Each structure stands twice: as structure tokens, then as C-alpha cells.
Amino acid sequence: MKSPSAMIVAAMLATTPASAQVLDLSSVKCDQFLKSGKESIAMIVMWLDGYYADDDASAVIDFGKVGAKIEKVGESCMKQPGALLSDVAEEVLGK
């Protein structure tokens, strides 16, 4: 796995009911993301943060930084609701 954030999300997903949805992040638009609810938004940004983290990133979660990243992604999505979340995430979190 790329980072501890991805491991946490994987552990969280392993405890969800069998009827949980599958989310293809390559097709989610910003307006859908913003309507998904606080918990989903946080989980998605945590996953994206792990995805874009360097392979040698430390195994530390700075919740202040994660909160700031959630805000940045949210603000960018509010400005361009028709944009793909993956494109916005690349702009905000990309390497």
C-alpha cells in the first residue's frame, strides 16, 4: 500500500456492511462529492491523500493537515461543481 492512510481506510471499509456501495473515483463529479456527506468526504479525501502521498512518507497522520486538505478540495469543488473529483484532487493533492 502507498501509505498508512490507505491502510486505515481499508480497515474502515472492511467493517462496513456487505451492501456498501462501490465508488469509482474516476467518474465522481465534484457536485456528487460535495453532496455525499461529511463522513464520506473525509473518508474519500483520506484515501486520495494516501494515493498521492510519496512512497517514503512517514507513518504519521496530521489531522490538522488532513482537515486543511479536505477544505482545499471542497473549496475547489465548489468553484467547479461539474469537474471530475479526480482532476480536482490532482490539482490540489497531486505530487
PDB file of N, CA and C in Angstrom:
ATOM      1  N   MET A   1       0.832  -1.187   0.000  1.00  0.00           N
ATOM      2  CA  MET A   1       0.000   0.000   0.000  1.00  0.00           C
ATOM      3  C   MET A   1       0.871   1.242   0.000  1.00  0.00           C
ATOM      4  N   LYS A   2       0.321   2.317  -0.459  1.00  0.00           N
ATOM      5  CA  LYS A   2       1.098   3.531  -0.598  1.00  0.00           C
ATOM      6  C   LYS A   2       1.351   4.239   0.727  1.00  0.00           C
ATOM      7  N   SER A   3       0.395   4.188   1.680  1.00  0.00           N
ATOM      8  CA  SER A   3       0.588   4.913   2.925  1.00  0.00           C
ATOM      9  C   SER A   3      -0.299   4.359   4.019  1.00  0.00           C
ATOM     10  N   PRO A   4      -0.003   4.756   5.247  1.00  0.00           N
ATOM     11  CA  PRO A   4      -0.844   4.330   6.360  1.00  0.00           C
ATOM     12  C   PRO A   4      -2.287   4.817   6.219  1.00  0.00           C
ATOM     13  N   SER A   5      -2.495   5.970   5.587  1.00  0.00           N
ATOM     14  CA  SER A   5      -3.861   6.466   5.384  1.00  0.00           C
ATOM     15  C   SER A   5      -4.684   5.460   4.598  1.00  0.00           C
ATOM     16  N   ALA A   6      -4.080   4.878   3.590  1.00  0.00           N
ATOM     17  CA  ALA A   6      -4.785   3.888   2.780  1.00  0.00           C
ATOM     18  C   ALA A   6      -5.103   2.651   3.608  1.00  0.00           C
ATOM     19  N   MET A   7      -4.201   2.290   4.530  1.00  0.00           N
ATOM     20  CA  MET A   7      -4.458   1.130   5.384  1.00  0.00           C
ATOM     21  C   MET A   7      -5.623   1.397   6.328  1.00  0.00           C
ATOM     22  N   ILE A   8      -5.706   2.617   6.859  1.00  0.00           N
ATOM     23  CA  ILE A   8      -6.803   2.973   7.754  1.00  0.00           C
ATOM     24  C   ILE A   8      -8.125   2.906   7.013  1.00  0.00           C
ATOM     25  N   VAL A   9      -8.165   3.483   5.829  1.00  0.00           N
ATOM     26  CA  VAL A   9      -9.396   3.451   5.037  1.00  0.00           C
ATOM     27  C   VAL A   9      -9.763   2.011   4.706  1.00  0.00           C
ATOM     28  N   ALA A  10      -8.783   1.200   4.355  1.00  0.00           N
ATOM     29  CA  ALA A  10      -9.059  -0.206   4.049  1.00  0.00           C
ATOM     30  C   ALA A  10      -9.638  -0.916   5.267  1.00  0.00           C
ATOM     31  N   ALA A  11      -9.098  -0.622   6.446  1.00  0.00           N
ATOM     32  CA  ALA A  11      -9.627  -1.234   7.669  1.00  0.00           C
ATOM     33  C   ALA A  11     -11.051  -0.770   7.937  1.00  0.00           C
ATOM     34  N   MET A  12     -11.314   0.515   7.689  1.00  0.00           N
ATOM     35  CA  MET A  12     -12.663   1.045   7.896  1.00  0.00           C
ATOM     36  C   MET A  12     -13.642   0.386   6.926  1.00  0.00           C
ATOM     37  N   LEU A  13     -13.217   0.225   5.692  1.00  0.00           N
ATOM     38  CA  LEU A  13     -14.091  -0.368   4.692  1.00  0.00           C
ATOM     39  C   LEU A  13     -14.344  -1.845   4.963  1.00  0.00           C
ATOM     40  N   ALA A  14     -13.387  -2.507   5.579  1.00  0.00           N
ATOM     41  CA  ALA A  14     -13.550  -3.924   5.882  1.00  0.00           C
ATOM     42  C   ALA A  14     -14.647  -4.154   6.915  1.00  0.00           C
ATOM     43  N   THR A  15     -14.990  -3.112   7.671  1.00  0.00           N
ATOM     44  CA  THR A  15     -16.012  -3.254   8.703  1.00  0.00           C
ATOM     45  C   THR A  15     -17.377  -2.761   8.254  1.00  0.00           C
ATOM     46  N   THR A  16     -17.503  -2.315   7.016  1.00  0.00           N
ATOM     47  CA  THR A  16     -18.789  -1.829   6.527  1.00  0.00           C
ATOM     48  C   THR A  16     -19.670  -2.992   6.108  1.00  0.00           C
ATOM     49  N   PRO A  17     -20.975  -2.789   6.092  1.00  0.00           N
ATOM     50  CA  PRO A  17     -21.884  -3.868   5.703  1.00  0.00           C
ATOM     51  C   PRO A  17     -21.643  -4.333   4.266  1.00  0.00           C
ATOM     52  N   ALA A  18     -22.066  -5.537   3.974  1.00  0.00           N
ATOM     53  CA  ALA A  18     -21.876  -6.123   2.648  1.00  0.00           C
ATOM     54  C   ALA A  18     -22.590  -5.330   1.563  1.00  0.00           C
ATOM     55  N   SER A  19     -23.604  -4.574   1.939  1.00  0.00           N
ATOM     56  CA  SER A  19     -24.361  -3.810   0.952  1.00  0.00           C
ATOM     57  C   SER A  19     -23.729  -2.452   0.645  1.00  0.00           C
ATOM     58  N   ALA A  20     -22.533  -2.200   1.160  1.00  0.00           N
ATOM     59  CA  ALA A  20     -21.872  -0.916   0.937  1.00  0.00           C
ATOM     60  C   ALA A  20     -21.647  -0.678  -0.551  1.00  0.00           C
ATOM     61  N   GLN A  21     -21.686   0.591  -0.924  1.00  0.00           N
ATOM     62  CA  GLN A  21     -21.503   0.956  -2.323  1.00  0.00           C
ATOM     63  C   GLN A  21     -20.041   0.877  -2.727  1.00  0.00           C
ATOM     64  N   VAL A  22     -19.831   0.692  -4.004  1.00  0.00           N
ATOM     65  CA  VAL A  22     -18.502   0.767  -4.596  1.00  0.00           C
ATOM     66  C   VAL A  22     -18.436   2.115  -5.292  1.00  0.00           C
ATOM     67  N   LEU A  23     -17.346   2.822  -5.093  1.00  0.00           N
ATOM     68  CA  LEU A  23     -17.219   4.163  -5.640  1.00  0.00           C
ATOM     69  C   LEU A  23     -16.063   4.211  -6.624  1.00  0.00           C
ATOM     70  N   ASP A  24     -16.358   4.537  -7.869  1.00  0.00           N
ATOM     71  CA  ASP A  24     -15.332   4.695  -8.893  1.00  0.00           C
ATOM     72  C   ASP A  24     -14.941   6.168  -8.913  1.00  0.00           C
ATOM     73  N   LEU A  25     -13.842   6.492  -8.256  1.00  0.00           N
ATOM     74  CA  LEU A  25     -13.441   7.891  -8.125  1.00  0.00           C
ATOM     75  C   LEU A  25     -13.116   8.555  -9.454  1.00  0.00           C
ATOM     76  N   SER A  26     -12.861   7.781 -10.481  1.00  0.00           N
ATOM     77  CA  SER A  26     -12.549   8.378 -11.778  1.00  0.00           C
ATOM     78  C   SER A  26     -13.787   8.966 -12.454  1.00  0.00           C
ATOM     79  N   SER A  27     -14.976   8.644 -11.948  1.00  0.00           N
ATOM     80  CA  SER A  27     -16.197   9.158 -12.579  1.00  0.00           C
ATOM     81  C   SER A  27     -17.027  10.066 -11.671  1.00  0.00           C
ATOM     82  N   VAL A  28     -16.564  10.304 -10.443  1.00  0.00           N
ATOM     83  CA  VAL A  28     -17.311  11.142  -9.497  1.00  0.00           C
ATOM     84  C   VAL A  28     -17.070  12.608  -9.822  1.00  0.00           C
ATOM     85  N   LYS A  29     -18.155  13.347  -9.946  1.00  0.00           N
ATOM     86  CA  LYS A  29     -18.053  14.792 -10.181  1.00  0.00           C
ATOM     87  C   LYS A  29     -18.093  15.512  -8.837  1.00  0.00           C
ATOM     88  N   CYS A  30     -17.579  16.722  -8.829  1.00  0.00           N
ATOM     89  CA  CYS A  30     -17.482  17.493  -7.597  1.00  0.00           C
ATOM     90  C   CYS A  30     -18.832  17.683  -6.907  1.00  0.00           C
ATOM     91  N   ASP A  31     -19.885  17.940  -7.672  1.00  0.00           N
ATOM     92  CA  ASP A  31     -21.180  18.152  -7.022  1.00  0.00           C
ATOM     93  C   ASP A  31     -21.642  16.891  -6.297  1.00  0.00           C
ATOM     94  N   GLN A  32     -21.376  15.720  -6.854  1.00  0.00           N
ATOM     95  CA  GLN A  32     -21.720  14.458  -6.187  1.00  0.00           C
ATOM     96  C   GLN A  32     -20.894  14.289  -4.912  1.00  0.00           C
ATOM     97  N   PHE A  33     -19.622  14.593  -5.013  1.00  0.00           N
ATOM     98  CA  PHE A  33     -18.714  14.504  -3.870  1.00  0.00           C
ATOM     99  C   PHE A  33     -19.193  15.403  -2.736  1.00  0.00           C
ATOM    100  N   LEU A  34     -19.547  16.644  -3.055  1.00  0.00           N
ATOM    101  CA  LEU A  34     -19.968  17.596  -2.032  1.00  0.00           C
ATOM    102  C   LEU A  34     -21.282  17.204  -1.369  1.00  0.00           C
ATOM    103  N   LYS A  35     -22.124  16.473  -2.079  1.00  0.00           N
ATOM    104  CA  LYS A  35     -23.415  16.035  -1.534  1.00  0.00           C
ATOM    105  C   LYS A  35     -23.312  14.714  -0.773  1.00  0.00           C
ATOM    106  N   SER A  36     -22.139  14.116  -0.726  1.00  0.00           N
ATOM    107  CA  SER A  36     -22.004  12.772  -0.153  1.00  0.00           C
ATOM    108  C   SER A  36     -21.995  12.735   1.372  1.00  0.00           C
ATOM    109  N   GLY A  37     -21.900  13.874   2.019  1.00  0.00           N
ATOM    110  CA  GLY A  37     -21.911  13.914   3.479  1.00  0.00           C
ATOM    111  C   GLY A  37     -20.512  14.016   4.065  1.00  0.00           C
ATOM    112  N   LYS A  38     -20.443  14.594   5.274  1.00  0.00           N
ATOM    113  CA  LYS A  38     -19.152  14.855   5.919  1.00  0.00           C
ATOM    114  C   LYS A  38     -18.287  13.606   6.065  1.00  0.00           C
ATOM    115  N   GLU A  39     -18.896  12.528   6.523  1.00  0.00           N
ATOM    116  CA  GLU A  39     -18.130  11.305   6.757  1.00  0.00           C
ATOM    117  C   GLU A  39     -17.542  10.758   5.454  1.00  0.00           C
ATOM    118  N   SER A  40     -18.343  10.743   4.408  1.00  0.00           N
ATOM    119  CA  SER A  40     -17.860  10.250   3.114  1.00  0.00           C
ATOM    120  C   SER A  40     -16.788  11.163   2.549  1.00  0.00           C
ATOM    121  N   ILE A  41     -16.991  12.465   2.665  1.00  0.00           N
ATOM    122  CA  ILE A  41     -15.999  13.420   2.169  1.00  0.00           C
ATOM    123  C   ILE A  41     -14.664  13.193   2.866  1.00  0.00           C
ATOM    124  N   ALA A  42     -14.696  13.073   4.188  1.00  0.00           N
ATOM    125  CA  ALA A  42     -13.460  12.855   4.944  1.00  0.00           C
ATOM    126  C   ALA A  42     -12.785  11.551   4.529  1.00  0.00           C
ATOM    127  N   MET A  43     -13.567  10.491   4.373  1.00  0.00           N
ATOM    128  CA  MET A  43     -13.002   9.193   4.001  1.00  0.00           C
ATOM    129  C   MET A  43     -12.392   9.245   2.600  1.00  0.00           C
ATOM    130  N   ILE A  44     -13.074   9.897   1.686  1.00  0.00           N
ATOM    131  CA  ILE A  44     -12.577   9.987   0.309  1.00  0.00           C
ATOM    132  C   ILE A  44     -11.285  10.798   0.256  1.00  0.00           C
ATOM    133  N   VAL A  45     -11.246  11.935   0.955  1.00  0.00           N
ATOM    134  CA  VAL A  45     -10.033  12.759   0.933  1.00  0.00           C
ATOM    135  C   VAL A  45      -8.881  12.032   1.626  1.00  0.00           C
ATOM    136  N   MET A  46      -9.169  11.289   2.692  1.00  0.00           N
ATOM    137  CA  MET A  46      -8.110  10.493   3.334  1.00  0.00           C
ATOM    138  C   MET A  46      -7.537   9.483   2.329  1.00  0.00           C
ATOM    139  N   TRP A  47      -8.417   8.835   1.574  1.00  0.00           N
ATOM    140  CA  TRP A  47      -7.953   7.868   0.576  1.00  0.00           C
ATOM    141  C   TRP A  47      -7.111   8.580  -0.485  1.00  0.00           C
ATOM    142  N   LEU A  48      -7.625   9.700  -0.981  1.00  0.00           N
ATOM    143  CA  LEU A  48      -6.894  10.453  -2.001  1.00  0.00           C
ATOM    144  C   LEU A  48      -5.544  10.931  -1.475  1.00  0.00           C
ATOM    145  N   ASP A  49      -5.508  11.368  -0.218  1.00  0.00           N
ATOM    146  CA  ASP A  49      -4.259  11.819   0.385  1.00  0.00           C
ATOM    147  C   ASP A  49      -3.247  10.676   0.416  1.00  0.00           C
ATOM    148  N   GLY A  50      -3.698   9.487   0.769  1.00  0.00           N
ATOM    149  CA  GLY A  50      -2.813   8.324   0.753  1.00  0.00           C
ATOM    150  C   GLY A  50      -2.358   7.976  -0.652  1.00  0.00           C
ATOM    151  N   TYR A  51      -3.260   8.101  -1.602  1.00  0.00           N
ATOM    152  CA  TYR A  51      -2.946   7.798  -3.000  1.00  0.00           C
ATOM    153  C   TYR A  51      -1.851   8.727  -3.531  1.00  0.00           C
ATOM    154  N   TYR A  52      -1.949  10.007  -3.178  1.00  0.00           N
ATOM    155  CA  TYR A  52      -0.982  10.976  -3.684  1.00  0.00           C
ATOM    156  C   TYR A  52       0.255  11.128  -2.801  1.00  0.00           C
ATOM    157  N   ALA A  53       0.312  10.423  -1.675  1.00  0.00           N
ATOM    158  CA  ALA A  53       1.467  10.518  -0.781  1.00  0.00           C
ATOM    159  C   ALA A  53       2.685   9.861  -1.417  1.00  0.00           C
ATOM    160  N   ASP A  54       3.843  10.379  -1.073  1.00  0.00           N
ATOM    161  CA  ASP A  54       5.089   9.762  -1.530  1.00  0.00           C
ATOM    162  C   ASP A  54       5.208   8.372  -0.921  1.00  0.00           C
ATOM    163  N   ASP A  55       5.842   7.477  -1.646  1.00  0.00           N
ATOM    164  CA  ASP A  55       6.020   6.112  -1.153  1.00  0.00           C
ATOM    165  C   ASP A  55       6.819   6.070   0.147  1.00  0.00           C
ATOM    166  N   ASP A  56       7.699   7.038   0.344  1.00  0.00           N
ATOM    167  CA  ASP A  56       8.522   7.047   1.554  1.00  0.00           C
ATOM    168  C   ASP A  56       7.996   8.015   2.617  1.00  0.00           C
ATOM    169  N   ALA A  57       6.733   8.403   2.518  1.00  0.00           N
ATOM    170  CA  ALA A  57       6.131   9.301   3.507  1.00  0.00           C
ATOM    171  C   ALA A  57       6.088   8.611   4.867  1.00  0.00           C
ATOM    172  N   SER A  58       6.217   9.405   5.921  1.00  0.00           N
ATOM    173  CA  SER A  58       6.205   8.835   7.269  1.00  0.00           C
ATOM    174  C   SER A  58       4.823   8.291   7.618  1.00  0.00           C
ATOM    175  N   ALA A  59       4.793   7.422   8.592  1.00  0.00           N
ATOM    176  CA  ALA A  59       3.546   6.774   9.017  1.00  0.00           C
ATOM    177  C   ALA A  59       2.844   7.619  10.082  1.00  0.00           C
ATOM    178  N   VAL A  60       2.705   8.900   9.813  1.00  0.00           N
ATOM    179  CA  VAL A  60       2.093   9.833  10.753  1.00  0.00           C
ATOM    180  C   VAL A  60       0.903  10.491  10.075  1.00  0.00           C
ATOM    181  N   ILE A  61      -0.202  10.568  10.802  1.00  0.00           N
ATOM    182  CA  ILE A  61      -1.368  11.285  10.289  1.00  0.00           C
ATOM    183  C   ILE A  61      -1.467  12.593  11.051  1.00  0.00           C
ATOM    184  N   ASP A  62      -1.344  13.692  10.361  1.00  0.00           N
ATOM    185  CA  ASP A  62      -1.517  15.017  10.944  1.00  0.00           C
ATOM    186  C   ASP A  62      -2.939  15.452  10.614  1.00  0.00           C
ATOM    187  N   PHE A  63      -3.843  15.320  11.587  1.00  0.00           N
ATOM    188  CA  PHE A  63      -5.249  15.591  11.329  1.00  0.00           C
ATOM    189  C   PHE A  63      -5.501  17.053  10.958  1.00  0.00           C
ATOM    190  N   GLY A  64      -4.647  17.955  11.427  1.00  0.00           N
ATOM    191  CA  GLY A  64      -4.764  19.353  11.025  1.00  0.00           C
ATOM    192  C   GLY A  64      -4.512  19.523   9.538  1.00  0.00           C
ATOM    193  N   LYS A  65      -3.480  18.847   9.050  1.00  0.00           N
ATOM    194  CA  LYS A  65      -3.163  18.918   7.618  1.00  0.00           C
ATOM    195  C   LYS A  65      -4.241  18.241   6.782  1.00  0.00           C
ATOM    196  N   VAL A  66      -4.752  17.110   7.277  1.00  0.00           N
ATOM    197  CA  VAL A  66      -5.819  16.420   6.548  1.00  0.00           C
ATOM    198  C   VAL A  66      -7.047  17.318   6.476  1.00  0.00           C
ATOM    199  N   GLY A  67      -7.376  17.986   7.581  1.00  0.00           N
ATOM    200  CA  GLY A  67      -8.514  18.909   7.593  1.00  0.00           C
ATOM    201  C   GLY A  67      -8.335  20.032   6.586  1.00  0.00           C
ATOM    202  N   ALA A  68      -7.112  20.550   6.499  1.00  0.00           N
ATOM    203  CA  ALA A  68      -6.828  21.612   5.529  1.00  0.00           C
ATOM    204  C   ALA A  68      -6.978  21.093   4.099  1.00  0.00           C
ATOM    205  N   LYS A  69      -6.572  19.855   3.867  1.00  0.00           N
ATOM    206  CA  LYS A  69      -6.706  19.267   2.529  1.00  0.00           C
ATOM    207  C   LYS A  69      -8.174  19.055   2.177  1.00  0.00           C
ATOM    208  N   ILE A  70      -8.969  18.623   3.163  1.00  0.00           N
ATOM    209  CA  ILE A  70     -10.409  18.468   2.937  1.00  0.00           C
ATOM    210  C   ILE A  70     -11.007  19.810   2.532  1.00  0.00           C
ATOM    211  N   GLU A  71     -10.608  20.870   3.244  1.00  0.00           N
ATOM    212  CA  GLU A  71     -11.101  22.212   2.922  1.00  0.00           C
ATOM    213  C   GLU A  71     -10.704  22.635   1.513  1.00  0.00           C
ATOM    214  N   LYS A  72      -9.444  22.415   1.155  1.00  0.00           N
ATOM    215  CA  LYS A  72      -8.962  22.820  -0.171  1.00  0.00           C
ATOM    216  C   LYS A  72      -9.695  22.086  -1.288  1.00  0.00           C
ATOM    217  N   VAL A  73      -9.863  20.779  -1.117  1.00  0.00           N
ATOM    218  CA  VAL A  73     -10.578  20.006  -2.137  1.00  0.00           C
ATOM    219  C   VAL A  73     -12.023  20.485  -2.216  1.00  0.00           C
ATOM    220  N   GLY A  74     -12.652  20.701  -1.065  1.00  0.00           N
ATOM    221  CA  GLY A  74     -14.037  21.183  -1.034  1.00  0.00           C
ATOM    222  C   GLY A  74     -14.196  22.538  -1.693  1.00  0.00           C
ATOM    223  N   GLU A  75     -13.290  23.463  -1.390  1.00  0.00           N
ATOM    224  CA  GLU A  75     -13.354  24.801  -1.990  1.00  0.00           C
ATOM    225  C   GLU A  75     -13.186  24.730  -3.505  1.00  0.00           C
ATOM    226  N   SER A  76     -12.235  23.934  -3.957  1.00  0.00           N
ATOM    227  CA  SER A  76     -12.023  23.796  -5.402  1.00  0.00           C
ATOM    228  C   SER A  76     -13.239  23.184  -6.073  1.00  0.00           C
ATOM    229  N   CYS A  77     -13.848  22.200  -5.421  1.00  0.00           N
ATOM    230  CA  CYS A  77     -15.042  21.562  -5.986  1.00  0.00           C
ATOM    231  C   CYS A  77     -16.226  22.529  -6.027  1.00  0.00           C
ATOM    232  N   MET A  78     -16.354  23.382  -5.004  1.00  0.00           N
ATOM    233  CA  MET A  78     -17.454  24.356  -5.005  1.00  0.00           C
ATOM    234  C   MET A  78     -17.332  25.326  -6.177  1.00  0.00           C
ATOM    235  N   LYS A  79     -16.103  25.649  -6.562  1.00  0.00           N
ATOM    236  CA  LYS A  79     -15.870  26.576  -7.666  1.00  0.00           C
ATOM    237  C   LYS A  79     -16.122  25.937  -9.028  1.00  0.00           C
ATOM    238  N   GLN A  80     -16.036  24.609  -9.088  1.00  0.00           N
ATOM    239  CA  GLN A  80     -16.207  23.901 -10.363  1.00  0.00           C
ATOM    240  C   GLN A  80     -16.989  22.604 -10.135  1.00  0.00           C
ATOM    241  N   PRO A  81     -18.290  22.716  -9.818  1.00  0.00           N
ATOM    242  CA  PRO A  81     -19.099  21.543  -9.463  1.00  0.00           C
ATOM    243  C   PRO A  81     -19.211  20.485 -10.556  1.00  0.00           C
ATOM    244  N   GLY A  82     -19.017  20.844 -11.797  1.00  0.00           N
ATOM    245  CA  GLY A  82     -19.108  19.875 -12.886  1.00  0.00           C
ATOM    246  C   GLY A  82     -17.805  19.154 -13.174  1.00  0.00           C
ATOM    247  N   ALA A  83     -16.736  19.557 -12.486  1.00  0.00           N
ATOM    248  CA  ALA A  83     -15.422  18.947 -12.719  1.00  0.00           C
ATOM    249  C   ALA A  83     -15.354  17.563 -12.088  1.00  0.00           C
ATOM    250  N   LEU A  84     -14.496  16.735 -12.632  1.00  0.00           N
ATOM    251  CA  LEU A  84     -14.259  15.420 -12.037  1.00  0.00           C
ATOM    252  C   LEU A  84     -13.446  15.587 -10.759  1.00  0.00           C
ATOM    253  N   LEU A  85     -13.851  14.890  -9.720  1.00  0.00           N
ATOM    254  CA  LEU A  85     -13.132  14.939  -8.448  1.00  0.00           C
ATOM    255  C   LEU A  85     -11.676  14.532  -8.635  1.00  0.00           C
ATOM    256  N   SER A  86     -11.422  13.553  -9.473  1.00  0.00           N
ATOM    257  CA  SER A  86     -10.048  13.094  -9.697  1.00  0.00           C
ATOM    258  C   SER A  86      -9.170  14.208 -10.269  1.00  0.00           C
ATOM    259  N   ASP A  87      -9.733  15.048 -11.131  1.00  0.00           N
ATOM    260  CA  ASP A  87      -8.969  16.172 -11.690  1.00  0.00           C
ATOM    261  C   ASP A  87      -8.678  17.219 -10.619  1.00  0.00           C
ATOM    262  N   VAL A  88      -9.688  17.514  -9.806  1.00  0.00           N
ATOM    263  CA  VAL A  88      -9.515  18.495  -8.729  1.00  0.00           C
ATOM    264  C   VAL A  88      -8.499  17.972  -7.711  1.00  0.00           C
ATOM    265  N   ALA A  89      -8.597  16.705  -7.364  1.00  0.00           N
ATOM    266  CA  ALA A  89      -7.657  16.114  -6.410  1.00  0.00           C
ATOM    267  C   ALA A  89      -6.233  16.171  -6.946  1.00  0.00           C
ATOM    268  N   GLU A  90      -6.072  15.928  -8.228  1.00  0.00           N
ATOM    269  CA  GLU A  90      -4.742  16.007  -8.847  1.00  0.00           C
ATOM    270  C   GLU A  90      -4.178  17.419  -8.709  1.00  0.00           C
ATOM    271  N   GLU A  91      -5.032  18.432  -8.928  1.00  0.00           N
ATOM    272  CA  GLU A  91      -4.596  19.827  -8.797  1.00  0.00           C
ATOM    273  C   GLU A  91      -4.207  20.155  -7.363  1.00  0.00           C
ATOM    274  N   VAL A  92      -5.021  19.726  -6.409  1.00  0.00           N
ATOM    275  CA  VAL A  92      -4.838  20.110  -5.011  1.00  0.00           C
ATOM    276  C   VAL A  92      -3.826  19.222  -4.281  1.00  0.00           C
ATOM    277  N   LEU A  93      -3.898  17.924  -4.498  1.00  0.00           N
ATOM    278  CA  LEU A  93      -3.084  16.976  -3.738  1.00  0.00           C
ATOM    279  C   LEU A  93      -1.950  16.359  -4.533  1.00  0.00           C
ATOM    280  N   GLY A  94      -1.973  16.541  -5.844  1.00  0.00           N
ATOM    281  CA  GLY A  94      -1.008  15.885  -6.728  1.00  0.00           C
ATOM    282  C   GLY A  94       0.425  16.127  -6.336  1.00  0.00           C
ATOM    283  N   LYS A  95       1.260  15.232  -6.808  1.00  0.00           N
ATOM    284  CA  LYS A  95       2.684  15.264  -6.441  1.00  0.00           C
ATOM    285  C   LYS A  95       3.349  16.460  -6.981  1.00  0.00           C
TER     286      LYS A  95
END
